[in-house]
Amino acid sequence: MFVDSHCHLDRLDLSAHDGDLNAALDAARARDVRQFLAIAVTLEDVPGLAEIARAHDDVVISAGVHPLHEVADEPTVASITACAERHEAVAIGETGLDYHYDGVSREVQYERFRRHLMAATELELPVIIHTREAREDTLALIREHTDPNIGGVLHCFTEDLDMAREAVRHGFFISLSGIVTFRNAKTVRELARKVPLDRLLIETDSPYLAPVPHRGKPNEPQWVVEVAECIAEERGISVDEVAMQTTANFYRLFRAAVPEAPDDLRESLAQSGLI
């Protein structure tokens, strides 16, 4: 049983499924993907994601504004919390810092990220963080504005093991995407081997970053299985072990999603002592 902990369901390329989101989700369900966390890029996305979640019992959502998304009006702590509460988000994000690209200035990103962290603390929800080439500022804001008992996740993580370990020490999880399957992704494969298994999540970040052997195609949630398979190979353990532990990790972090978990999955995890 697998969880896709980060997918953009409102942005999927559904051409392989005749434009039908349910068909794309069914393809994932057929591979034992049992839960999907649909990620917001803007607050304007959230009502549409909430509509998807109402139509699918195995979909939960986040609320937030991506660091590189240009908006007319910057989100406030109040607007983020109100949106998350109104639409029953289980997490805040995705938010964070991306200093690789020009566009939204670093100063604007920094303040936007800080407000998201404050909103997450106010609501006692985990935060989903996008970080790229912004190690020191990301870690500084995490230390200053997050509660290790609530935590969050560094999603689609590609930075080094030292940064991952520092985030884990502050209660965070590390999520790996299809990048782990790429031949030249040595740093990410090291993460797959060395981050404690009880601190790993798996994701697709679909429709982006399709894993091998699907590179060049629009990514989709069913291919989270390939991410798990690669991690299992790197660690020398079974795919089932990766699936069970990363699924348990998901529900440990996103506690508001536990009531939405399938009954048999919730019972299995509880019996195993994983949640």
C-alpha atoms as a PDB file:
ATOM      1  CA  MET A   1       0.000   0.000   0.000  1.00  0.00           C
ATOM      2  CA  PHE A   2       1.397   3.354  -1.093  1.00  0.00           C
ATOM      3  CA  VAL A   3       0.651   7.035  -0.586  1.00  0.00           C
ATOM      4  CA  ASP A   4       1.439   9.740  -3.112  1.00  0.00           C
ATOM      5  CA  SER A   5       2.296  12.462  -0.626  1.00  0.00           C
ATOM      6  CA  HIS A   6       2.601  15.262  -3.191  1.00  0.00           C
ATOM      7  CA  CYS A   7       0.690  15.482  -6.474  1.00  0.00           C
ATOM      8  CA  HIS A   8      -0.925  18.344  -8.359  1.00  0.00           C
ATOM      9  CA  LEU A   9      -4.212  16.686  -9.275  1.00  0.00           C
ATOM     10  CA  ASP A  10      -5.636  19.868 -10.785  1.00  0.00           C
ATOM     11  CA  ARG A  11      -2.670  20.144 -13.154  1.00  0.00           C
ATOM     12  CA  LEU A  12      -2.317  16.570 -14.420  1.00  0.00           C
ATOM     13  CA  ASP A  13      -2.061  15.909 -18.140  1.00  0.00           C
ATOM     14  CA  LEU A  14      -4.948  13.472 -18.503  1.00  0.00           C
ATOM     15  CA  SER A  15      -4.536  12.763 -22.210  1.00  0.00           C
ATOM     16  CA  ALA A  16      -3.560   9.152 -21.468  1.00  0.00           C
ATOM     17  CA  HIS A  17      -6.850   8.759 -19.586  1.00  0.00           C
ATOM     18  CA  ASP A  18      -9.232  10.447 -22.031  1.00  0.00           C
ATOM     19  CA  GLY A  19      -9.309  13.546 -19.849  1.00  0.00           C
ATOM     20  CA  ASP A  20     -10.712  11.640 -16.880  1.00  0.00           C
ATOM     21  CA  LEU A  21      -9.104  12.311 -13.494  1.00  0.00           C
ATOM     22  CA  ASN A  22     -10.926   9.362 -11.958  1.00  0.00           C
ATOM     23  CA  ALA A  23      -9.320   7.071 -14.544  1.00  0.00           C
ATOM     24  CA  ALA A  24      -5.871   8.377 -13.579  1.00  0.00           C
ATOM     25  CA  LEU A  25      -6.648   7.787  -9.911  1.00  0.00           C
ATOM     26  CA  ASP A  26      -8.036   4.334 -10.705  1.00  0.00           C
ATOM     27  CA  ALA A  27      -4.766   3.473 -12.460  1.00  0.00           C
ATOM     28  CA  ALA A  28      -2.964   4.340  -9.235  1.00  0.00           C
ATOM     29  CA  ARG A  29      -5.475   2.499  -7.066  1.00  0.00           C
ATOM     30  CA  ALA A  30      -4.959  -0.604  -9.201  1.00  0.00           C
ATOM     31  CA  ARG A  31      -1.304  -0.488  -8.123  1.00  0.00           C
ATOM     32  CA  ASP A  32      -2.308  -0.186  -4.442  1.00  0.00           C
ATOM     33  CA  VAL A  33      -1.847   3.569  -4.098  1.00  0.00           C
ATOM     34  CA  ARG A  34      -4.359   4.212  -1.333  1.00  0.00           C
ATOM     35  CA  GLN A  35      -4.090   7.933  -0.550  1.00  0.00           C
ATOM     36  CA  PHE A  36      -3.297  11.122  -2.455  1.00  0.00           C
ATOM     37  CA  LEU A  37      -2.306  14.521  -1.072  1.00  0.00           C
ATOM     38  CA  ALA A  38      -3.289  17.128  -3.669  1.00  0.00           C
ATOM     39  CA  ILE A  39      -1.069  20.181  -3.409  1.00  0.00           C
ATOM     40  CA  ALA A  40      -2.068  23.801  -3.901  1.00  0.00           C
ATOM     41  CA  VAL A  41       0.167  26.231  -5.779  1.00  0.00           C
ATOM     42  CA  THR A  42      -2.072  29.249  -5.086  1.00  0.00           C
ATOM     43  CA  LEU A  43      -4.886  29.923  -2.658  1.00  0.00           C
ATOM     44  CA  GLU A  44      -7.146  30.249  -5.693  1.00  0.00           C
ATOM     45  CA  ASP A  45      -6.444  26.568  -6.436  1.00  0.00           C
ATOM     46  CA  VAL A  46      -7.806  25.391  -3.112  1.00  0.00           C
ATOM     47  CA  PRO A  47     -11.583  25.452  -3.769  1.00  0.00           C
ATOM     48  CA  GLY A  48     -11.080  23.307  -6.871  1.00  0.00           C
ATOM     49  CA  LEU A  49      -8.889  20.877  -4.967  1.00  0.00           C
ATOM     50  CA  ALA A  50     -11.502  20.712  -2.222  1.00  0.00           C
ATOM     51  CA  GLU A  51     -14.083  19.788  -4.845  1.00  0.00           C
ATOM     52  CA  ILE A  52     -11.826  16.939  -6.014  1.00  0.00           C
ATOM     53  CA  ALA A  53     -11.428  15.777  -2.412  1.00  0.00           C
ATOM     54  CA  ARG A  54     -15.190  15.779  -1.876  1.00  0.00           C
ATOM     55  CA  ALA A  55     -15.568  13.542  -4.923  1.00  0.00           C
ATOM     56  CA  HIS A  56     -12.810  11.114  -3.862  1.00  0.00           C
ATOM     57  CA  ASP A  57     -12.570   9.733  -0.338  1.00  0.00           C
ATOM     58  CA  ASP A  58      -8.865   8.976  -0.775  1.00  0.00           C
ATOM     59  CA  VAL A  59      -7.848  12.557  -1.646  1.00  0.00           C
ATOM     60  CA  VAL A  60      -6.829  15.173   0.917  1.00  0.00           C
ATOM     61  CA  ILE A  61      -5.514  18.650   0.165  1.00  0.00           C
ATOM     62  CA  SER A  62      -3.133  21.407   1.212  1.00  0.00           C
ATOM     63  CA  ALA A  63      -3.465  25.197   1.126  1.00  0.00           C
ATOM     64  CA  GLY A  64      -0.666  27.588   0.237  1.00  0.00           C
ATOM     65  CA  VAL A  65       1.213  29.639  -2.359  1.00  0.00           C
ATOM     66  CA  HIS A  66       4.308  28.331  -4.165  1.00  0.00           C
ATOM     67  CA  PRO A  67       7.431  30.471  -3.647  1.00  0.00           C
ATOM     68  CA  LEU A  68       7.827  31.151  -7.373  1.00  0.00           C
ATOM     69  CA  HIS A  69       4.181  31.954  -8.097  1.00  0.00           C
ATOM     70  CA  GLU A  70       3.574  35.629  -8.780  1.00  0.00           C
ATOM     71  CA  VAL A  71       0.386  36.955  -7.178  1.00  0.00           C
ATOM     72  CA  ALA A  72      -1.342  40.322  -7.258  1.00  0.00           C
ATOM     73  CA  ASP A  73      -1.843  40.323  -3.494  1.00  0.00           C
ATOM     74  CA  GLU A  74       0.583  38.581  -1.176  1.00  0.00           C
ATOM     75  CA  PRO A  75      -1.072  36.032   1.141  1.00  0.00           C
ATOM     76  CA  THR A  76      -1.369  37.007   4.787  1.00  0.00           C
ATOM     77  CA  VAL A  77      -1.370  34.735   7.804  1.00  0.00           C
ATOM     78  CA  ALA A  78      -5.100  35.404   8.080  1.00  0.00           C
ATOM     79  CA  SER A  79      -5.850  34.590   4.430  1.00  0.00           C
ATOM     80  CA  ILE A  80      -3.825  31.374   4.559  1.00  0.00           C
ATOM     81  CA  THR A  81      -5.439  30.155   7.774  1.00  0.00           C
ATOM     82  CA  ALA A  82      -8.941  31.096   6.625  1.00  0.00           C
ATOM     83  CA  CYS A  83      -8.499  29.242   3.334  1.00  0.00           C
ATOM     84  CA  ALA A  84      -7.062  26.157   5.021  1.00  0.00           C
ATOM     85  CA  GLU A  85      -9.830  26.021   7.610  1.00  0.00           C
ATOM     86  CA  ARG A  86     -12.640  26.675   5.135  1.00  0.00           C
ATOM     87  CA  HIS A  87     -11.539  23.859   2.839  1.00  0.00           C
ATOM     88  CA  GLU A  88     -10.328  21.391   5.508  1.00  0.00           C
ATOM     89  CA  ALA A  89      -6.716  21.293   4.369  1.00  0.00           C
ATOM     90  CA  VAL A  90      -4.498  18.793   6.184  1.00  0.00           C
ATOM     91  CA  ALA A  91      -1.316  20.815   5.561  1.00  0.00           C
ATOM     92  CA  ILE A  92       0.003  24.267   4.674  1.00  0.00           C
ATOM     93  CA  GLY A  93       1.898  24.597   1.401  1.00  0.00           C
ATOM     94  CA  GLU A  94       3.491  24.204  -0.774  1.00  0.00           C
ATOM     95  CA  THR A  95       5.617  27.059   0.403  1.00  0.00           C
ATOM     96  CA  GLY A  96       9.327  27.654   0.825  1.00  0.00           C
ATOM     97  CA  LEU A  97      12.299  29.268  -0.890  1.00  0.00           C
ATOM     98  CA  ASP A  98      13.687  28.787  -4.398  1.00  0.00           C
ATOM     99  CA  TYR A  99      16.791  30.840  -5.103  1.00  0.00           C
ATOM    100  CA  HIS A 100      17.611  28.991  -8.321  1.00  0.00           C
ATOM    101  CA  TYR A 101      15.219  30.959 -10.523  1.00  0.00           C
ATOM    102  CA  ASP A 102      14.650  34.671 -10.952  1.00  0.00           C
ATOM    103  CA  GLY A 103      11.123  36.015 -10.802  1.00  0.00           C
ATOM    104  CA  VAL A 104       9.760  36.431  -7.304  1.00  0.00           C
ATOM    105  CA  SER A 105      12.443  38.242  -5.309  1.00  0.00           C
ATOM    106  CA  ARG A 106      14.195  36.540  -2.422  1.00  0.00           C
ATOM    107  CA  GLU A 107      12.838  39.162  -0.050  1.00  0.00           C
ATOM    108  CA  VAL A 108       9.246  38.476  -1.112  1.00  0.00           C
ATOM    109  CA  GLN A 109       9.774  34.710  -0.945  1.00  0.00           C
ATOM    110  CA  TYR A 110      11.282  34.965   2.525  1.00  0.00           C
ATOM    111  CA  GLU A 111       8.399  36.967   3.954  1.00  0.00           C
ATOM    112  CA  ARG A 112       5.814  34.784   2.194  1.00  0.00           C
ATOM    113  CA  PHE A 113       7.433  31.648   3.601  1.00  0.00           C
ATOM    114  CA  ARG A 114       7.523  33.139   7.102  1.00  0.00           C
ATOM    115  CA  ARG A 115       3.795  33.890   6.957  1.00  0.00           C
ATOM    116  CA  HIS A 116       3.030  30.331   5.851  1.00  0.00           C
ATOM    117  CA  LEU A 117       5.038  28.956   8.772  1.00  0.00           C
ATOM    118  CA  MET A 118       3.162  31.211  11.167  1.00  0.00           C
ATOM    119  CA  ALA A 119      -0.161  30.036   9.711  1.00  0.00           C
ATOM    120  CA  ALA A 120       0.886  26.404  10.070  1.00  0.00           C
ATOM    121  CA  THR A 121       1.819  26.969  13.705  1.00  0.00           C
ATOM    122  CA  GLU A 122      -1.464  28.738  14.394  1.00  0.00           C
ATOM    123  CA  LEU A 123      -3.477  25.861  12.908  1.00  0.00           C
ATOM    124  CA  GLU A 124      -1.133  23.156  14.257  1.00  0.00           C
ATOM    125  CA  LEU A 125      -0.776  21.738  10.748  1.00  0.00           C
ATOM    126  CA  PRO A 126       2.407  20.416   9.122  1.00  0.00           C
ATOM    127  CA  VAL A 127       4.036  22.501   6.427  1.00  0.00           C
ATOM    128  CA  ILE A 128       5.085  21.330   2.950  1.00  0.00           C
ATOM    129  CA  ILE A 129       8.350  23.002   1.972  1.00  0.00           C
ATOM    130  CA  HIS A 130       9.896  23.515  -1.455  1.00  0.00           C
ATOM    131  CA  THR A 131      13.567  24.430  -1.029  1.00  0.00           C
ATOM    132  CA  ARG A 132      16.218  24.908  -3.683  1.00  0.00           C
ATOM    133  CA  GLU A 133      19.615  26.569  -3.252  1.00  0.00           C
ATOM    134  CA  ALA A 134      18.311  28.249  -0.092  1.00  0.00           C
ATOM    135  CA  ARG A 135      19.740  26.038   2.634  1.00  0.00           C
ATOM    136  CA  GLU A 136      20.598  28.565   5.335  1.00  0.00           C
ATOM    137  CA  ASP A 137      17.448  30.676   5.048  1.00  0.00           C
ATOM    138  CA  THR A 138      15.216  27.598   4.910  1.00  0.00           C
ATOM    139  CA  LEU A 139      16.767  26.052   8.010  1.00  0.00           C
ATOM    140  CA  ALA A 140      16.799  29.362   9.886  1.00  0.00           C
ATOM    141  CA  LEU A 141      13.086  29.899   9.319  1.00  0.00           C
ATOM    142  CA  ILE A 142      12.290  26.292  10.232  1.00  0.00           C
ATOM    143  CA  ARG A 143      14.177  26.685  13.515  1.00  0.00           C
ATOM    144  CA  GLU A 144      12.507  30.005  14.302  1.00  0.00           C
ATOM    145  CA  HIS A 145       8.929  29.366  13.258  1.00  0.00           C
ATOM    146  CA  THR A 146       8.085  25.655  13.453  1.00  0.00           C
ATOM    147  CA  ASP A 147       7.215  23.308  16.288  1.00  0.00           C
ATOM    148  CA  PRO A 148       9.113  19.998  16.106  1.00  0.00           C
ATOM    149  CA  ASN A 149       6.008  18.279  17.471  1.00  0.00           C
ATOM    150  CA  ILE A 150       4.071  19.383  14.375  1.00  0.00           C
ATOM    151  CA  GLY A 151       6.869  19.406  11.815  1.00  0.00           C
ATOM    152  CA  GLY A 152       6.528  19.167   8.096  1.00  0.00           C
ATOM    153  CA  VAL A 153       8.232  17.803   5.014  1.00  0.00           C
ATOM    154  CA  LEU A 154      10.951  18.950   2.650  1.00  0.00           C
ATOM    155  CA  HIS A 155       9.316  17.781  -0.552  1.00  0.00           C
ATOM    156  CA  CYS A 156      11.032  16.570  -3.738  1.00  0.00           C
ATOM    157  CA  PHE A 157      14.239  17.005  -1.800  1.00  0.00           C
ATOM    158  CA  THR A 158      17.486  17.265  -3.769  1.00  0.00           C
ATOM    159  CA  GLU A 159      19.814  19.040  -1.349  1.00  0.00           C
ATOM    160  CA  ASP A 160      22.518  17.261   0.637  1.00  0.00           C
ATOM    161  CA  LEU A 161      22.407  14.762   3.485  1.00  0.00           C
ATOM    162  CA  ASP A 162      23.590  17.296   6.074  1.00  0.00           C
ATOM    163  CA  MET A 163      20.600  19.549   5.366  1.00  0.00           C
ATOM    164  CA  ALA A 164      18.279  16.555   5.514  1.00  0.00           C
ATOM    165  CA  ARG A 165      19.688  15.530   8.887  1.00  0.00           C
ATOM    166  CA  GLU A 166      19.282  19.041  10.280  1.00  0.00           C
ATOM    167  CA  ALA A 167      15.645  19.121   9.150  1.00  0.00           C
ATOM    168  CA  VAL A 168      15.003  15.676  10.632  1.00  0.00           C
ATOM    169  CA  ARG A 169      16.439  16.866  13.955  1.00  0.00           C
ATOM    170  CA  HIS A 170      13.757  19.542  13.935  1.00  0.00           C
ATOM    171  CA  GLY A 171      10.919  17.091  13.404  1.00  0.00           C
ATOM    172  CA  PHE A 172      10.762  17.122   9.605  1.00  0.00           C
ATOM    173  CA  PHE A 173      10.371  14.345   7.062  1.00  0.00           C
ATOM    174  CA  ILE A 174      12.220  14.083   3.742  1.00  0.00           C
ATOM    175  CA  SER A 175      10.212  13.264   0.622  1.00  0.00           C
ATOM    176  CA  LEU A 176      11.800  11.745  -2.467  1.00  0.00           C
ATOM    177  CA  SER A 177      10.331  11.965  -5.958  1.00  0.00           C
ATOM    178  CA  GLY A 178      11.022  10.318  -9.296  1.00  0.00           C
ATOM    179  CA  ILE A 179      14.378  12.117  -9.375  1.00  0.00           C
ATOM    180  CA  VAL A 180      15.729   9.265  -7.239  1.00  0.00           C
ATOM    181  CA  THR A 181      15.436   6.997 -10.298  1.00  0.00           C
ATOM    182  CA  PHE A 182      17.539   9.271 -12.534  1.00  0.00           C
ATOM    183  CA  ARG A 183      20.948   7.865 -13.427  1.00  0.00           C
ATOM    184  CA  ASN A 184      22.898  10.984 -12.425  1.00  0.00           C
ATOM    185  CA  ALA A 185      20.993  11.673  -9.177  1.00  0.00           C
ATOM    186  CA  LYS A 186      23.781  10.475  -6.883  1.00  0.00           C
ATOM    187  CA  THR A 187      22.932  12.872  -4.049  1.00  0.00           C
ATOM    188  CA  VAL A 188      19.284  11.823  -4.021  1.00  0.00           C
ATOM    189  CA  ARG A 189      20.199   8.137  -4.089  1.00  0.00           C
ATOM    190  CA  GLU A 190      22.438   8.743  -1.082  1.00  0.00           C
ATOM    191  CA  LEU A 191      19.433  10.262   0.675  1.00  0.00           C
ATOM    192  CA  ALA A 192      17.412   7.162  -0.219  1.00  0.00           C
ATOM    193  CA  ARG A 193      20.027   5.013   1.505  1.00  0.00           C
ATOM    194  CA  LYS A 194      20.883   7.156   4.523  1.00  0.00           C
ATOM    195  CA  VAL A 195      17.838   9.122   5.667  1.00  0.00           C
ATOM    196  CA  PRO A 196      16.194   7.011   8.398  1.00  0.00           C
ATOM    197  CA  LEU A 197      13.349   5.020   6.881  1.00  0.00           C
ATOM    198  CA  ASP A 198      10.979   6.296   9.552  1.00  0.00           C
ATOM    199  CA  ARG A 199      11.612   9.834   8.222  1.00  0.00           C
ATOM    200  CA  LEU A 200      11.044   9.197   4.514  1.00  0.00           C
ATOM    201  CA  LEU A 201       8.010   9.966   2.383  1.00  0.00           C
ATOM    202  CA  ILE A 202       7.463   9.216  -1.298  1.00  0.00           C
ATOM    203  CA  GLU A 203       5.796  11.373  -3.918  1.00  0.00           C
ATOM    204  CA  THR A 204       5.386  11.923  -7.631  1.00  0.00           C
ATOM    205  CA  ASP A 205       5.124  15.732  -7.794  1.00  0.00           C
ATOM    206  CA  SER A 206       3.010  14.864 -10.834  1.00  0.00           C
ATOM    207  CA  PRO A 207       2.614  16.041 -13.542  1.00  0.00           C
ATOM    208  CA  TYR A 208       6.340  16.814 -13.229  1.00  0.00           C
ATOM    209  CA  LEU A 209       9.469  14.630 -12.948  1.00  0.00           C
ATOM    210  CA  ALA A 210       8.239  11.271 -14.218  1.00  0.00           C
ATOM    211  CA  PRO A 211      10.488   8.463 -12.954  1.00  0.00           C
ATOM    212  CA  VAL A 212      12.474   6.012 -15.040  1.00  0.00           C
ATOM    213  CA  PRO A 213      11.235   4.240 -17.188  1.00  0.00           C
ATOM    214  CA  HIS A 214       8.596   6.897 -17.885  1.00  0.00           C
ATOM    215  CA  ARG A 215      10.867   9.932 -18.316  1.00  0.00           C
ATOM    216  CA  GLY A 216       9.649  12.332 -20.963  1.00  0.00           C
ATOM    217  CA  LYS A 217       6.000  11.552 -20.250  1.00  0.00           C
ATOM    218  CA  PRO A 218       3.650  13.588 -18.061  1.00  0.00           C
ATOM    219  CA  ASN A 219       3.987  12.150 -14.572  1.00  0.00           C
ATOM    220  CA  GLU A 220       1.004  10.687 -12.735  1.00  0.00           C
ATOM    221  CA  PRO A 221       0.258   9.326  -9.262  1.00  0.00           C
ATOM    222  CA  GLN A 222       0.496   5.634 -10.159  1.00  0.00           C
ATOM    223  CA  TRP A 223       4.250   6.012 -10.694  1.00  0.00           C
ATOM    224  CA  VAL A 224       4.914   6.638  -7.018  1.00  0.00           C
ATOM    225  CA  VAL A 225       5.412   2.863  -6.997  1.00  0.00           C
ATOM    226  CA  GLU A 226       8.575   3.275  -9.092  1.00  0.00           C
ATOM    227  CA  VAL A 227       9.905   5.716  -6.498  1.00  0.00           C
ATOM    228  CA  ALA A 228       9.340   3.151  -3.749  1.00  0.00           C
ATOM    229  CA  GLU A 229      10.963   0.418  -5.830  1.00  0.00           C
ATOM    230  CA  CYS A 230      14.101   2.499  -6.346  1.00  0.00           C
ATOM    231  CA  ILE A 231      14.374   3.322  -2.641  1.00  0.00           C
ATOM    232  CA  ALA A 232      13.954  -0.359  -1.792  1.00  0.00           C
ATOM    233  CA  GLU A 233      16.724  -1.277  -4.214  1.00  0.00           C
ATOM    234  CA  GLU A 234      19.058   1.376  -2.805  1.00  0.00           C
ATOM    235  CA  ARG A 235      18.434   0.225   0.775  1.00  0.00           C
ATOM    236  CA  GLY A 236      18.463  -3.496   0.033  1.00  0.00           C
ATOM    237  CA  ILE A 237      15.018  -4.053   1.520  1.00  0.00           C
ATOM    238  CA  SER A 238      11.632  -5.077   0.161  1.00  0.00           C
ATOM    239  CA  VAL A 239       9.269  -2.730  -1.620  1.00  0.00           C
ATOM    240  CA  ASP A 240       6.595  -3.789   0.867  1.00  0.00           C
ATOM    241  CA  GLU A 241       8.729  -2.503   3.739  1.00  0.00           C
ATOM    242  CA  VAL A 242       9.235   0.842   2.017  1.00  0.00           C
ATOM    243  CA  ALA A 243       5.529   1.052   1.206  1.00  0.00           C
ATOM    244  CA  MET A 244       4.357   0.222   4.730  1.00  0.00           C
ATOM    245  CA  GLN A 245       6.805   2.521   6.505  1.00  0.00           C
ATOM    246  CA  THR A 246       6.355   5.528   4.205  1.00  0.00           C
ATOM    247  CA  THR A 247       2.590   5.115   4.441  1.00  0.00           C
ATOM    248  CA  ALA A 248       2.818   5.060   8.234  1.00  0.00           C
ATOM    249  CA  ASN A 249       5.086   8.104   8.124  1.00  0.00           C
ATOM    250  CA  PHE A 250       2.514   9.964   6.043  1.00  0.00           C
ATOM    251  CA  TYR A 251      -0.205   9.455   8.631  1.00  0.00           C
ATOM    252  CA  ARG A 252       2.150  10.261  11.515  1.00  0.00           C
ATOM    253  CA  LEU A 253       2.879  13.611   9.893  1.00  0.00           C
ATOM    254  CA  PHE A 254      -0.487  14.468   8.358  1.00  0.00           C
ATOM    255  CA  ARG A 255      -2.568  13.473  11.358  1.00  0.00           C
ATOM    256  CA  ALA A 256      -5.638  15.255  10.024  1.00  0.00           C
ATOM    257  CA  ALA A 257      -5.627  12.747   7.142  1.00  0.00           C
ATOM    258  CA  VAL A 258      -5.913   9.692   9.408  1.00  0.00           C
ATOM    259  CA  PRO A 259      -9.750   9.749   9.506  1.00  0.00           C
ATOM    260  CA  GLU A 260      -9.710   9.730   5.691  1.00  0.00           C
ATOM    261  CA  ALA A 261      -7.553   6.604   5.493  1.00  0.00           C
ATOM    262  CA  PRO A 262      -9.305   3.435   4.290  1.00  0.00           C
ATOM    263  CA  ASP A 263     -10.559   1.381   7.246  1.00  0.00           C
ATOM    264  CA  ASP A 264      -8.448  -1.666   6.413  1.00  0.00           C
ATOM    265  CA  LEU A 265      -5.334   0.460   6.002  1.00  0.00           C
ATOM    266  CA  ARG A 266      -5.891   2.268   9.283  1.00  0.00           C
ATOM    267  CA  GLU A 267      -6.450  -1.027  11.092  1.00  0.00           C
ATOM    268  CA  SER A 268      -3.364  -2.603   9.522  1.00  0.00           C
ATOM    269  CA  LEU A 269      -1.144   0.308  10.496  1.00  0.00           C
ATOM    270  CA  ALA A 270      -2.537   0.361  14.027  1.00  0.00           C
ATOM    271  CA  GLN A 271      -2.047  -3.386  14.470  1.00  0.00           C
ATOM    272  CA  SER A 272       1.543  -3.012  13.302  1.00  0.00           C
ATOM    273  CA  GLY A 273       2.134  -0.234  15.817  1.00  0.00           C
ATOM    274  CA  LEU A 274       3.042   2.191  13.054  1.00  0.00           C
ATOM    275  CA  ILE A 275       0.410   4.807  13.913  1.00  0.00           C
END
